[in-house]
PDB file of N, CA and C in Angstrom:
ATOM      1  N   UNK A   1    -169.864 -63.828  83.582  1.00  0.00           N
ATOM      2  CA  UNK A   1    -169.597 -65.261  83.679  1.00  0.00           C
ATOM      3  C   UNK A   1    -168.113 -65.490  83.377  1.00  0.00           C
ATOM      4  N   UNK A   2    -167.466 -66.262  84.220  1.00  0.00           N
ATOM      5  CA  UNK A   2    -166.044 -66.529  84.026  1.00  0.00           C
ATOM      6  C   UNK A   2    -165.822 -67.525  82.883  1.00  0.00           C
ATOM      7  N   UNK A   3    -164.601 -67.551  82.413  1.00  0.00           N
ATOM      8  CA  UNK A   3    -164.248 -68.483  81.333  1.00  0.00           C
ATOM      9  C   UNK A   3    -164.480 -69.921  81.788  1.00  0.00           C
ATOM     10  N   UNK A   4    -164.094 -70.223  83.021  1.00  0.00           N
ATOM     11  CA  UNK A   4    -164.279 -71.588  83.532  1.00  0.00           C
ATOM     12  C   UNK A   4    -165.762 -71.948  83.607  1.00  0.00           C
ATOM     13  N   UNK A   5    -166.590 -70.995  84.007  1.00  0.00           N
ATOM     14  CA  UNK A   5    -168.033 -71.243  84.071  1.00  0.00           C
ATOM     15  C   UNK A   5    -168.592 -71.477  82.678  1.00  0.00           C
ATOM     16  N   UNK A   6    -168.106 -70.699  81.712  1.00  0.00           N
ATOM     17  CA  UNK A   6    -168.563 -70.892  80.328  1.00  0.00           C
ATOM     18  C   UNK A   6    -168.107 -72.247  79.803  1.00  0.00           C
ATOM     19  N   UNK A   7    -166.870 -72.639  80.137  1.00  0.00           N
ATOM     20  CA  UNK A   7    -166.377 -73.951  79.709  1.00  0.00           C
ATOM     21  C   UNK A   7    -167.208 -75.066  80.335  1.00  0.00           C
ATOM     22  N   UNK A   8    -167.575 -74.910  81.598  1.00  0.00           N
ATOM     23  CA  UNK A   8    -168.403 -75.916  82.271  1.00  0.00           C
ATOM     24  C   UNK A   8    -169.767 -76.025  81.599  1.00  0.00           C
ATOM     25  N   UNK A   9    -170.333 -74.895  81.208  1.00  0.00           N
ATOM     26  CA  UNK A   9    -171.619 -74.906  80.505  1.00  0.00           C
ATOM     27  C   UNK A   9    -171.497 -75.597  79.159  1.00  0.00           C
ATOM     28  N   UNK A  10    -170.449 -75.293  78.425  1.00  0.00           N
ATOM     29  CA  UNK A  10    -170.226 -75.945  77.125  1.00  0.00           C
ATOM     30  C   UNK A  10    -170.054 -77.444  77.310  1.00  0.00           C
ATOM     31  N   UNK A  11    -169.255 -77.840  78.309  1.00  0.00           N
ATOM     32  CA  UNK A  11    -169.055 -79.264  78.580  1.00  0.00           C
ATOM     33  C   UNK A  11    -170.371 -79.934  78.936  1.00  0.00           C
ATOM     34  N   UNK A  12    -171.151 -79.291  79.776  1.00  0.00           N
ATOM     35  CA  UNK A  12    -172.447 -79.852  80.167  1.00  0.00           C
ATOM     36  C   UNK A  12    -173.352 -80.012  78.950  1.00  0.00           C
ATOM     37  N   UNK A  13    -173.396 -79.002  78.094  1.00  0.00           N
ATOM     38  CA  UNK A  13    -174.219 -79.067  76.881  1.00  0.00           C
ATOM     39  C   UNK A  13    -173.766 -80.208  75.969  1.00  0.00           C
ATOM     40  N   UNK A  14    -172.462 -80.352  75.824  1.00  0.00           N
ATOM     41  CA  UNK A  14    -171.925 -81.409  74.965  1.00  0.00           C
ATOM     42  C   UNK A  14    -172.225 -82.799  75.531  1.00  0.00           C
ATOM     43  N   UNK A  15    -172.062 -82.957  76.830  1.00  0.00           N
ATOM     44  CA  UNK A  15    -172.335 -84.252  77.453  1.00  0.00           C
ATOM     45  C   UNK A  15    -173.831 -84.578  77.373  1.00  0.00           C
ATOM     46  N   UNK A  16    -174.678 -83.583  77.612  1.00  0.00           N
ATOM     47  CA  UNK A  16    -176.128 -83.786  77.537  1.00  0.00           C
ATOM     48  C   UNK A  16    -176.539 -84.188  76.127  1.00  0.00           C
ATOM     49  N   UNK A  17    -175.933 -83.562  75.124  1.00  0.00           N
ATOM     50  CA  UNK A  17    -176.274 -83.903  73.740  1.00  0.00           C
ATOM     51  C   UNK A  17    -175.852 -85.325  73.387  1.00  0.00           C
ATOM     52  N   UNK A  18    -174.969 -85.897  74.191  1.00  0.00           N
ATOM     53  CA  UNK A  18    -174.523 -87.278  73.983  1.00  0.00           C
ATOM     54  C   UNK A  18    -175.214 -88.250  74.941  1.00  0.00           C
ATOM     55  N   UNK A  19    -176.215 -87.754  75.644  1.00  0.00           N
ATOM     56  CA  UNK A  19    -177.016 -88.616  76.504  1.00  0.00           C
ATOM     57  C   UNK A  19    -176.481 -88.799  77.904  1.00  0.00           C
ATOM     58  N   UNK A  20    -175.515 -87.987  78.318  1.00  0.00           N
ATOM     59  CA  UNK A  20    -174.967 -88.106  79.673  1.00  0.00           C
ATOM     60  C   UNK A  20    -175.584 -87.003  80.521  1.00  0.00           C
ATOM     61  N   UNK A  21    -176.443 -87.403  81.450  1.00  0.00           N
ATOM     62  CA  UNK A  21    -177.177 -86.441  82.275  1.00  0.00           C
ATOM     63  C   UNK A  21    -176.973 -86.668  83.761  1.00  0.00           C
ATOM     64  N   UNK A  22    -176.033 -87.530  84.126  1.00  0.00           N
ATOM     65  CA  UNK A  22    -175.911 -87.926  85.524  1.00  0.00           C
ATOM     66  C   UNK A  22    -174.936 -87.080  86.330  1.00  0.00           C
ATOM     67  N   UNK A  23    -174.268 -86.126  85.703  1.00  0.00           N
ATOM     68  CA  UNK A  23    -173.303 -85.312  86.433  1.00  0.00           C
ATOM     69  C   UNK A  23    -173.944 -84.028  86.938  1.00  0.00           C
ATOM     70  N   UNK A  24    -173.452 -83.555  88.075  1.00  0.00           N
ATOM     71  CA  UNK A  24    -173.955 -82.303  88.635  1.00  0.00           C
ATOM     72  C   UNK A  24    -173.152 -81.128  88.074  1.00  0.00           C
ATOM     73  N   UNK A  25    -173.646 -79.942  88.299  1.00  0.00           N
ATOM     74  CA  UNK A  25    -172.945 -78.734  87.849  1.00  0.00           C
ATOM     75  C   UNK A  25    -171.542 -78.682  88.455  1.00  0.00           C
ATOM     76  N   UNK A  26    -171.429 -79.053  89.726  1.00  0.00           N
ATOM     77  CA  UNK A  26    -170.118 -79.032  90.374  1.00  0.00           C
ATOM     78  C   UNK A  26    -169.176 -80.062  89.750  1.00  0.00           C
ATOM     79  N   UNK A  27    -169.719 -81.178  89.248  1.00  0.00           N
ATOM     80  CA  UNK A  27    -168.892 -82.156  88.544  1.00  0.00           C
ATOM     81  C   UNK A  27    -168.273 -81.530  87.291  1.00  0.00           C
ATOM     82  N   UNK A  28    -169.095 -80.807  86.539  1.00  0.00           N
ATOM     83  CA  UNK A  28    -168.594 -80.163  85.324  1.00  0.00           C
ATOM     84  C   UNK A  28    -167.543 -79.115  85.656  1.00  0.00           C
ATOM     85  N   UNK A  29    -167.784 -78.350  86.705  1.00  0.00           N
ATOM     86  CA  UNK A  29    -166.823 -77.327  87.113  1.00  0.00           C
ATOM     87  C   UNK A  29    -165.510 -77.959  87.562  1.00  0.00           C
ATOM     88  N   UNK A  30    -165.603 -79.075  88.273  1.00  0.00           N
ATOM     89  CA  UNK A  30    -164.407 -79.787  88.728  1.00  0.00           C
ATOM     90  C   UNK A  30    -163.625 -80.347  87.541  1.00  0.00           C
ATOM     91  N   UNK A  31    -164.312 -80.888  86.559  1.00  0.00           N
ATOM     92  CA  UNK A  31    -163.661 -81.414  85.356  1.00  0.00           C
ATOM     93  C   UNK A  31    -162.937 -80.294  84.621  1.00  0.00           C
ATOM     94  N   UNK A  32    -163.596 -79.155  84.468  1.00  0.00           N
ATOM     95  CA  UNK A  32    -162.979 -78.015  83.785  1.00  0.00           C
ATOM     96  C   UNK A  32    -161.748 -77.539  84.559  1.00  0.00           C
ATOM     97  N   UNK A  33    -161.853 -77.448  85.872  1.00  0.00           N
ATOM     98  CA  UNK A  33    -160.711 -77.025  86.690  1.00  0.00           C
ATOM     99  C   UNK A  33    -159.533 -77.974  86.490  1.00  0.00           C
ATOM    100  N   UNK A  34    -159.811 -79.258  86.460  1.00  0.00           N
ATOM    101  CA  UNK A  34    -158.762 -80.262  86.247  1.00  0.00           C
ATOM    102  C   UNK A  34    -158.146 -80.111  84.851  1.00  0.00           C
ATOM    103  N   UNK A  35    -158.966 -79.897  83.849  1.00  0.00           N
ATOM    104  CA  UNK A  35    -158.458 -79.709  82.489  1.00  0.00           C
ATOM    105  C   UNK A  35    -157.587 -78.462  82.384  1.00  0.00           C
ATOM    106  N   UNK A  36    -158.022 -77.376  83.001  1.00  0.00           N
ATOM    107  CA  UNK A  36    -157.246 -76.137  82.967  1.00  0.00           C
ATOM    108  C   UNK A  36    -155.892 -76.354  83.640  1.00  0.00           C
ATOM    109  N   UNK A  37    -155.881 -77.043  84.765  1.00  0.00           N
ATOM    110  CA  UNK A  37    -154.624 -77.318  85.465  1.00  0.00           C
ATOM    111  C   UNK A  37    -153.700 -78.189  84.604  1.00  0.00           C
ATOM    112  N   UNK A  38    -154.251 -79.196  83.949  1.00  0.00           N
ATOM    113  CA  UNK A  38    -153.446 -80.043  83.070  1.00  0.00           C
ATOM    114  C   UNK A  38    -152.872 -79.236  81.906  1.00  0.00           C
ATOM    115  N   UNK A  39    -153.654 -78.318  81.365  1.00  0.00           N
ATOM    116  CA  UNK A  39    -153.167 -77.465  80.283  1.00  0.00           C
ATOM    117  C   UNK A  39    -152.050 -76.549  80.759  1.00  0.00           C
ATOM    118  N   UNK A  40    -152.174 -76.010  81.978  1.00  0.00           N
ATOM    119  CA  UNK A  40    -151.105 -75.179  82.544  1.00  0.00           C
ATOM    120  C   UNK A  40    -149.819 -75.980  82.681  1.00  0.00           C
ATOM    121  N   UNK A  41    -149.933 -77.184  83.204  1.00  0.00           N
ATOM    122  CA  UNK A  41    -148.759 -78.031  83.381  1.00  0.00           C
ATOM    123  C   UNK A  41    -148.121 -78.371  82.037  1.00  0.00           C
ATOM    124  N   UNK A  42    -148.937 -78.668  81.057  1.00  0.00           N
ATOM    125  CA  UNK A  42    -148.427 -78.963  79.720  1.00  0.00           C
ATOM    126  C   UNK A  42    -147.723 -77.748  79.133  1.00  0.00           C
ATOM    127  N   UNK A  43    -148.334 -76.576  79.292  1.00  0.00           N
ATOM    128  CA  UNK A  43    -147.736 -75.350  78.776  1.00  0.00           C
ATOM    129  C   UNK A  43    -146.379 -75.092  79.429  1.00  0.00           C
ATOM    130  N   UNK A  44    -146.292 -75.274  80.735  1.00  0.00           N
ATOM    131  CA  UNK A  44    -145.018 -75.089  81.432  1.00  0.00           C
ATOM    132  C   UNK A  44    -143.980 -76.099  80.978  1.00  0.00           C
ATOM    133  N   UNK A  45    -144.400 -77.332  80.805  1.00  0.00           N
ATOM    134  CA  UNK A  45    -143.493 -78.381  80.350  1.00  0.00           C
ATOM    135  C   UNK A  45    -142.957 -78.084  78.954  1.00  0.00           C
ATOM    136  N   UNK A  46    -143.837 -77.662  78.062  1.00  0.00           N
ATOM    137  CA  UNK A  46    -143.413 -77.340  76.703  1.00  0.00           C
ATOM    138  C   UNK A  46    -142.490 -76.131  76.686  1.00  0.00           C
ATOM    139  N   UNK A  47    -142.784 -75.130  77.511  1.00  0.00           N
ATOM    140  CA  UNK A  47    -141.930 -73.947  77.586  1.00  0.00           C
ATOM    141  C   UNK A  47    -140.552 -74.322  78.120  1.00  0.00           C
ATOM    142  N   UNK A  48    -140.496 -75.180  79.136  1.00  0.00           N
ATOM    143  CA  UNK A  48    -139.220 -75.614  79.694  1.00  0.00           C
ATOM    144  C   UNK A  48    -138.427 -76.406  78.667  1.00  0.00           C
ATOM    145  N   UNK A  49    -139.108 -77.250  77.919  1.00  0.00           N
ATOM    146  CA  UNK A  49    -138.446 -78.047  76.882  1.00  0.00           C
ATOM    147  C   UNK A  49    -137.882 -77.133  75.794  1.00  0.00           C
ATOM    148  N   UNK A  50    -138.666 -76.133  75.402  1.00  0.00           N
ATOM    149  CA  UNK A  50    -138.228 -75.197  74.370  1.00  0.00           C
ATOM    150  C   UNK A  50    -137.018 -74.397  74.858  1.00  0.00           C
ATOM    151  N   UNK A  51    -137.057 -73.955  76.109  1.00  0.00           N
ATOM    152  CA  UNK A  51    -135.956 -73.200  76.683  1.00  0.00           C
ATOM    153  C   UNK A  51    -134.695 -74.057  76.775  1.00  0.00           C
ATOM    154  N   UNK A  52    -134.856 -75.308  77.188  1.00  0.00           N
ATOM    155  CA  UNK A  52    -133.713 -76.219  77.283  1.00  0.00           C
ATOM    156  C   UNK A  52    -133.111 -76.462  75.903  1.00  0.00           C
ATOM    157  N   UNK A  53    -133.945 -76.554  74.889  1.00  0.00           N
ATOM    158  CA  UNK A  53    -133.467 -76.770  73.526  1.00  0.00           C
ATOM    159  C   UNK A  53    -132.670 -75.598  72.997  1.00  0.00           C
ATOM    160  N   UNK A  54    -133.006 -74.390  73.439  1.00  0.00           N
ATOM    161  CA  UNK A  54    -132.288 -73.197  72.996  1.00  0.00           C
ATOM    162  C   UNK A  54    -130.924 -73.095  73.645  1.00  0.00           C
ATOM    163  N   UNK A  55    -130.748 -73.728  74.798  1.00  0.00           N
ATOM    164  CA  UNK A  55    -129.483 -73.631  75.515  1.00  0.00           C
ATOM    165  C   UNK A  55    -128.550 -74.806  75.263  1.00  0.00           C
ATOM    166  N   UNK A  56    -128.976 -75.753  74.460  1.00  0.00           N
ATOM    167  CA  UNK A  56    -128.108 -76.887  74.132  1.00  0.00           C
ATOM    168  C   UNK A  56    -127.020 -76.430  73.171  1.00  0.00           C
ATOM    169  N   UNK A  57    -125.785 -76.884  73.391  1.00  0.00           N
ATOM    170  CA  UNK A  57    -124.708 -76.523  72.457  1.00  0.00           C
ATOM    171  C   UNK A  57    -124.933 -77.164  71.096  1.00  0.00           C
ATOM    172  N   UNK A  58    -124.538 -76.438  70.057  1.00  0.00           N
ATOM    173  CA  UNK A  58    -124.743 -76.960  68.697  1.00  0.00           C
ATOM    174  C   UNK A  58    -123.449 -77.393  68.087  1.00  0.00           C
TER     175      UNK A  58
END
């Protein structure tokens, strides 16, 4: 089982425990894919910011 599939299962379990049962498995997978992409973008942004900070004159 892939990490994304495991994350989708965890998300589904968490949503079900909160009474949300209207989403399909593909909905959970799509949400996880979107979250992973947002995390990648954030990681790149933070890395670029850190790199830019190291090159600023002091």
